[in-house]
Amino acid sequence: MNALFTSAMTLREVDPGVYPRVFEGELNKHWTIGPKVHGGAMLALCANAARTGWAPTVQLTTFLRGLPADGWLRVVCTCTEIGHDWFDEDHIVVDSLGRIVAQSRQLATVPGR
């Protein structure tokens, strides 16, 4: 079984070229703990979506709203610059039944400025 981030999810862009970009992914069972999704799944998703780089986290808040239904998970990510060196990044995870199963917000600084 392959545990690399880039093999953790099979991703498909829902509407290529339309912004915000939306991907659907099928999670490799290696990234689950029984019926629960492993916390590293978000990192795996971002790695497979060809997002590169790193930003120093100042504050991170995550809300786990419930167990996801079987099937795909949709993650909607938005990023808002709130100052020259700061940004907010929001994630909403929706399961195949359309239920919000997780939310997160990160306040981070822009690296290299």
N, C-alpha and C. Protein backbone atom coordinates (compact mmCIF):
# COMPACT_ATOMS: atom_id res chain seq x y z
N MET A 1 0.84 -1.18 0.00
CA MET A 1 0.00 0.00 0.00
C MET A 1 0.89 1.24 0.00
N ASN A 2 0.57 2.20 -0.85
CA ASN A 2 1.36 3.41 -0.99
C ASN A 2 0.84 4.49 -0.05
N ALA A 3 1.73 5.07 0.77
CA ALA A 3 1.33 6.08 1.74
C ALA A 3 1.75 7.49 1.34
N LEU A 4 2.20 7.69 0.10
CA LEU A 4 2.61 9.01 -0.34
C LEU A 4 1.41 9.95 -0.41
N PHE A 5 1.65 11.23 -0.09
CA PHE A 5 0.58 12.22 -0.15
C PHE A 5 -0.07 12.26 -1.53
N THR A 6 0.75 12.20 -2.57
CA THR A 6 0.22 12.33 -3.92
C THR A 6 -0.61 11.14 -4.36
N SER A 7 -0.55 10.02 -3.63
CA SER A 7 -1.37 8.86 -3.98
C SER A 7 -2.54 8.69 -3.01
N ALA A 8 -2.69 9.60 -2.07
CA ALA A 8 -3.74 9.47 -1.07
C ALA A 8 -5.12 9.73 -1.65
N MET A 9 -5.20 10.57 -2.65
CA MET A 9 -6.49 10.90 -3.25
C MET A 9 -6.40 10.92 -4.76
N THR A 10 -7.45 10.47 -5.38
CA THR A 10 -7.63 10.65 -6.80
C THR A 10 -8.51 11.88 -6.94
N LEU A 11 -8.01 12.93 -7.58
CA LEU A 11 -8.75 14.17 -7.69
C LEU A 11 -9.25 14.42 -9.10
N ARG A 12 -10.40 15.08 -9.17
CA ARG A 12 -10.96 15.52 -10.44
C ARG A 12 -11.46 16.94 -10.25
N GLU A 13 -11.03 17.85 -11.10
CA GLU A 13 -11.51 19.22 -11.02
C GLU A 13 -12.93 19.26 -11.59
N VAL A 14 -13.88 19.77 -10.81
CA VAL A 14 -15.29 19.75 -11.19
C VAL A 14 -15.54 20.58 -12.44
N ASP A 15 -15.12 21.83 -12.45
CA ASP A 15 -15.29 22.71 -13.60
C ASP A 15 -13.94 23.32 -13.96
N PRO A 16 -13.13 22.64 -14.79
CA PRO A 16 -11.80 23.17 -15.12
C PRO A 16 -11.88 24.59 -15.69
N GLY A 17 -11.00 25.44 -15.18
CA GLY A 17 -10.93 26.81 -15.65
C GLY A 17 -11.90 27.77 -14.99
N VAL A 18 -12.79 27.26 -14.12
CA VAL A 18 -13.76 28.10 -13.42
C VAL A 18 -13.24 28.35 -12.01
N TYR A 19 -13.29 29.59 -11.57
CA TYR A 19 -12.81 29.94 -10.23
C TYR A 19 -13.98 30.35 -9.36
N PRO A 20 -14.03 29.97 -8.08
CA PRO A 20 -12.98 29.22 -7.40
C PRO A 20 -12.90 27.80 -7.92
N ARG A 21 -11.69 27.22 -7.88
CA ARG A 21 -11.47 25.86 -8.33
C ARG A 21 -12.10 24.90 -7.34
N VAL A 22 -12.80 23.89 -7.84
CA VAL A 22 -13.45 22.88 -7.00
C VAL A 22 -12.99 21.51 -7.49
N PHE A 23 -12.54 20.68 -6.54
CA PHE A 23 -12.08 19.33 -6.85
C PHE A 23 -12.95 18.32 -6.13
N GLU A 24 -13.17 17.16 -6.75
CA GLU A 24 -13.76 16.02 -6.08
C GLU A 24 -12.66 14.98 -5.94
N GLY A 25 -12.62 14.30 -4.79
CA GLY A 25 -11.55 13.34 -4.56
C GLY A 25 -12.06 12.05 -3.96
N GLU A 26 -11.40 10.98 -4.27
CA GLU A 26 -11.68 9.68 -3.68
C GLU A 26 -10.50 9.33 -2.79
N LEU A 27 -10.74 9.19 -1.49
CA LEU A 27 -9.69 8.99 -0.52
C LEU A 27 -9.23 7.53 -0.48
N ASN A 28 -7.91 7.33 -0.56
CA ASN A 28 -7.30 6.01 -0.41
C ASN A 28 -7.58 5.53 1.02
N LYS A 29 -7.97 4.29 1.19
CA LYS A 29 -8.32 3.75 2.51
C LYS A 29 -7.18 3.82 3.53
N HIS A 30 -5.93 3.96 3.06
CA HIS A 30 -4.79 4.11 3.97
C HIS A 30 -4.97 5.34 4.87
N TRP A 31 -5.69 6.34 4.38
CA TRP A 31 -5.85 7.61 5.10
C TRP A 31 -7.09 7.63 5.97
N THR A 32 -7.63 6.47 6.30
CA THR A 32 -8.77 6.39 7.21
C THR A 32 -8.39 5.57 8.43
N ILE A 33 -9.10 5.84 9.52
CA ILE A 33 -8.95 5.06 10.75
C ILE A 33 -10.34 4.51 11.03
N GLY A 34 -10.60 3.29 10.55
CA GLY A 34 -11.96 2.77 10.61
C GLY A 34 -12.86 3.67 9.77
N PRO A 35 -13.97 4.15 10.35
CA PRO A 35 -14.87 5.02 9.59
C PRO A 35 -14.43 6.48 9.58
N LYS A 36 -13.33 6.81 10.25
CA LYS A 36 -12.89 8.20 10.38
C LYS A 36 -11.79 8.53 9.38
N VAL A 37 -11.77 9.79 8.96
CA VAL A 37 -10.75 10.27 8.05
C VAL A 37 -9.54 10.72 8.85
N HIS A 38 -8.35 10.28 8.46
CA HIS A 38 -7.10 10.67 9.12
C HIS A 38 -6.88 12.16 8.93
N GLY A 39 -6.34 12.82 9.94
CA GLY A 39 -6.12 14.26 9.89
C GLY A 39 -5.18 14.70 8.80
N GLY A 40 -4.31 13.82 8.31
CA GLY A 40 -3.40 14.18 7.25
C GLY A 40 -4.04 14.23 5.87
N ALA A 41 -5.32 13.90 5.79
CA ALA A 41 -5.99 13.88 4.49
C ALA A 41 -6.00 15.24 3.82
N MET A 42 -6.15 16.32 4.59
CA MET A 42 -6.17 17.66 4.00
C MET A 42 -4.83 17.98 3.35
N LEU A 43 -3.75 17.64 4.04
CA LEU A 43 -2.43 17.85 3.47
C LEU A 43 -2.26 17.03 2.19
N ALA A 44 -2.75 15.80 2.23
CA ALA A 44 -2.68 14.94 1.05
C ALA A 44 -3.47 15.53 -0.10
N LEU A 45 -4.64 16.06 0.19
CA LEU A 45 -5.46 16.66 -0.85
C LEU A 45 -4.75 17.84 -1.49
N CYS A 46 -4.20 18.70 -0.67
CA CYS A 46 -3.50 19.88 -1.20
C CYS A 46 -2.27 19.49 -2.02
N ALA A 47 -1.55 18.47 -1.57
CA ALA A 47 -0.37 18.02 -2.32
C ALA A 47 -0.78 17.49 -3.68
N ASN A 48 -1.88 16.76 -3.73
CA ASN A 48 -2.31 16.18 -4.99
C ASN A 48 -2.95 17.21 -5.91
N ALA A 49 -3.44 18.30 -5.36
CA ALA A 49 -4.03 19.37 -6.17
C ALA A 49 -2.94 20.30 -6.70
N ALA A 50 -1.69 19.89 -6.53
CA ALA A 50 -0.52 20.64 -7.02
C ALA A 50 -0.36 21.97 -6.32
N ARG A 51 -0.80 22.05 -5.10
CA ARG A 51 -0.55 23.24 -4.30
C ARG A 51 0.81 23.06 -3.67
N THR A 52 1.67 24.01 -3.85
CA THR A 52 3.00 23.89 -3.29
C THR A 52 3.26 25.06 -2.36
N GLY A 53 4.24 24.91 -1.56
CA GLY A 53 4.62 25.99 -0.67
C GLY A 53 4.13 25.75 0.74
N TRP A 54 4.47 26.68 1.59
CA TRP A 54 4.15 26.57 2.99
C TRP A 54 4.00 27.98 3.54
N ALA A 55 3.07 28.16 4.44
CA ALA A 55 2.87 29.46 5.08
C ALA A 55 2.85 29.26 6.59
N PRO A 56 3.57 30.09 7.33
CA PRO A 56 3.61 29.94 8.79
C PRO A 56 2.23 30.20 9.41
N THR A 57 1.71 29.22 10.11
CA THR A 57 0.41 29.34 10.77
C THR A 57 0.54 30.16 12.04
N VAL A 58 -0.35 31.14 12.19
CA VAL A 58 -0.42 31.93 13.41
C VAL A 58 -1.51 31.36 14.30
N GLN A 59 -2.64 31.00 13.70
CA GLN A 59 -3.75 30.40 14.43
C GLN A 59 -4.51 29.46 13.50
N LEU A 60 -4.93 28.31 14.03
CA LEU A 60 -5.69 27.34 13.26
C LEU A 60 -6.84 26.85 14.11
N THR A 61 -8.05 26.92 13.57
CA THR A 61 -9.25 26.43 14.25
C THR A 61 -9.93 25.44 13.33
N THR A 62 -10.31 24.28 13.86
CA THR A 62 -10.98 23.25 13.09
C THR A 62 -12.21 22.76 13.85
N PHE A 63 -13.31 22.61 13.13
CA PHE A 63 -14.54 22.07 13.70
C PHE A 63 -14.88 20.79 12.96
N LEU A 64 -14.97 19.68 13.69
CA LEU A 64 -15.40 18.40 13.11
C LEU A 64 -16.90 18.31 13.38
N ARG A 65 -17.70 18.35 12.34
CA ARG A 65 -19.16 18.42 12.46
C ARG A 65 -19.83 17.06 12.46
N GLY A 66 -19.18 16.02 11.95
CA GLY A 66 -19.78 14.70 11.92
C GLY A 66 -18.97 13.76 11.06
N LEU A 67 -19.33 12.48 11.12
CA LEU A 67 -18.66 11.48 10.28
C LEU A 67 -19.16 11.59 8.85
N PRO A 68 -18.26 11.54 7.87
CA PRO A 68 -18.72 11.64 6.48
C PRO A 68 -19.41 10.36 6.03
N ALA A 69 -20.36 10.52 5.11
CA ALA A 69 -21.00 9.37 4.48
C ALA A 69 -19.98 8.70 3.56
N ASP A 70 -20.23 7.46 3.21
CA ASP A 70 -19.37 6.76 2.24
C ASP A 70 -19.37 7.53 0.93
N GLY A 71 -18.27 7.47 0.23
CA GLY A 71 -18.18 8.13 -1.06
C GLY A 71 -17.22 9.30 -1.04
N TRP A 72 -17.42 10.22 -1.93
CA TRP A 72 -16.51 11.33 -2.13
C TRP A 72 -16.67 12.40 -1.06
N LEU A 73 -15.62 13.21 -0.93
CA LEU A 73 -15.65 14.41 -0.09
C LEU A 73 -15.32 15.59 -0.99
N ARG A 74 -16.02 16.68 -0.82
CA ARG A 74 -15.72 17.90 -1.57
C ARG A 74 -15.15 18.91 -0.58
N VAL A 75 -14.00 19.48 -0.92
CA VAL A 75 -13.36 20.47 -0.07
C VAL A 75 -13.36 21.79 -0.83
N VAL A 76 -13.96 22.80 -0.23
CA VAL A 76 -13.99 24.14 -0.82
C VAL A 76 -13.01 24.98 -0.02
N CYS A 77 -12.02 25.55 -0.70
CA CYS A 77 -10.97 26.34 -0.06
C CYS A 77 -11.03 27.76 -0.59
N THR A 78 -10.97 28.72 0.31
CA THR A 78 -10.88 30.12 -0.09
C THR A 78 -9.74 30.76 0.68
N CYS A 79 -9.17 31.78 0.08
CA CYS A 79 -8.05 32.48 0.70
C CYS A 79 -8.28 33.98 0.51
N THR A 80 -8.15 34.73 1.60
CA THR A 80 -8.37 36.17 1.56
C THR A 80 -7.17 36.87 2.17
N GLU A 81 -6.58 37.78 1.41
CA GLU A 81 -5.48 38.58 1.96
C GLU A 81 -6.08 39.62 2.89
N ILE A 82 -5.58 39.68 4.11
CA ILE A 82 -6.13 40.64 5.08
C ILE A 82 -5.11 41.70 5.47
N GLY A 83 -4.03 41.73 4.79
CA GLY A 83 -2.98 42.71 5.02
C GLY A 83 -1.80 42.34 4.14
N HIS A 84 -0.82 43.19 4.09
CA HIS A 84 0.32 42.93 3.21
C HIS A 84 0.99 41.60 3.52
N ASP A 85 1.06 41.22 4.79
CA ASP A 85 1.77 40.00 5.19
C ASP A 85 0.88 38.93 5.82
N TRP A 86 -0.43 39.07 5.76
CA TRP A 86 -1.34 38.16 6.45
C TRP A 86 -2.44 37.68 5.50
N PHE A 87 -2.92 36.44 5.73
CA PHE A 87 -4.08 35.96 4.99
C PHE A 87 -4.88 34.96 5.82
N ASP A 88 -6.16 34.86 5.51
CA ASP A 88 -7.05 33.84 6.07
C ASP A 88 -7.29 32.79 5.01
N GLU A 89 -7.29 31.54 5.43
CA GLU A 89 -7.58 30.43 4.54
C GLU A 89 -8.70 29.62 5.18
N ASP A 90 -9.79 29.46 4.47
CA ASP A 90 -10.96 28.72 4.97
C ASP A 90 -11.17 27.46 4.15
N HIS A 91 -11.56 26.38 4.85
CA HIS A 91 -11.88 25.11 4.20
C HIS A 91 -13.23 24.62 4.72
N ILE A 92 -14.06 24.14 3.82
CA ILE A 92 -15.31 23.47 4.19
C ILE A 92 -15.28 22.11 3.51
N VAL A 93 -15.50 21.05 4.28
CA VAL A 93 -15.51 19.68 3.76
C VAL A 93 -16.96 19.20 3.75
N VAL A 94 -17.44 18.81 2.57
CA VAL A 94 -18.82 18.36 2.38
C VAL A 94 -18.78 16.91 1.92
N ASP A 95 -19.64 16.06 2.49
CA ASP A 95 -19.66 14.65 2.09
C ASP A 95 -20.59 14.42 0.90
N SER A 96 -20.70 13.18 0.48
CA SER A 96 -21.47 12.83 -0.72
C SER A 96 -22.97 13.04 -0.55
N LEU A 97 -23.44 13.26 0.70
CA LEU A 97 -24.86 13.56 0.94
C LEU A 97 -25.10 15.06 1.04
N GLY A 98 -24.03 15.87 0.86
CA GLY A 98 -24.17 17.31 0.91
C GLY A 98 -24.09 17.90 2.31
N ARG A 99 -23.66 17.10 3.29
CA ARG A 99 -23.54 17.58 4.66
C ARG A 99 -22.15 18.14 4.92
N ILE A 100 -22.08 19.25 5.66
CA ILE A 100 -20.79 19.79 6.09
C ILE A 100 -20.27 18.90 7.20
N VAL A 101 -19.09 18.29 6.99
CA VAL A 101 -18.53 17.39 7.99
C VAL A 101 -17.32 17.99 8.71
N ALA A 102 -16.72 19.04 8.13
CA ALA A 102 -15.60 19.71 8.80
C ALA A 102 -15.44 21.12 8.24
N GLN A 103 -14.95 22.00 9.10
CA GLN A 103 -14.64 23.37 8.71
C GLN A 103 -13.33 23.76 9.37
N SER A 104 -12.55 24.60 8.70
CA SER A 104 -11.33 25.10 9.33
C SER A 104 -11.04 26.51 8.85
N ARG A 105 -10.33 27.25 9.67
CA ARG A 105 -9.83 28.58 9.32
C ARG A 105 -8.41 28.70 9.83
N GLN A 106 -7.54 29.17 8.97
CA GLN A 106 -6.15 29.39 9.34
C GLN A 106 -5.80 30.86 9.11
N LEU A 107 -5.20 31.46 10.10
CA LEU A 107 -4.60 32.78 9.94
C LEU A 107 -3.11 32.52 9.78
N ALA A 108 -2.53 33.05 8.71
CA ALA A 108 -1.12 32.77 8.42
C ALA A 108 -0.44 34.01 7.89
N THR A 109 0.87 33.96 7.91
CA THR A 109 1.66 35.04 7.33
C THR A 109 2.20 34.58 5.99
N VAL A 110 2.40 35.54 5.10
CA VAL A 110 2.93 35.24 3.77
C VAL A 110 4.44 35.02 3.92
N PRO A 111 4.95 33.86 3.52
CA PRO A 111 6.38 33.60 3.67
C PRO A 111 7.22 34.46 2.71
N GLY A 112 8.38 34.81 3.15
CA GLY A 112 9.33 35.48 2.30
C GLY A 112 9.12 36.98 2.11
N ARG A 113 8.24 37.56 2.89
CA ARG A 113 8.03 39.00 2.78
C ARG A 113 8.65 39.70 3.95
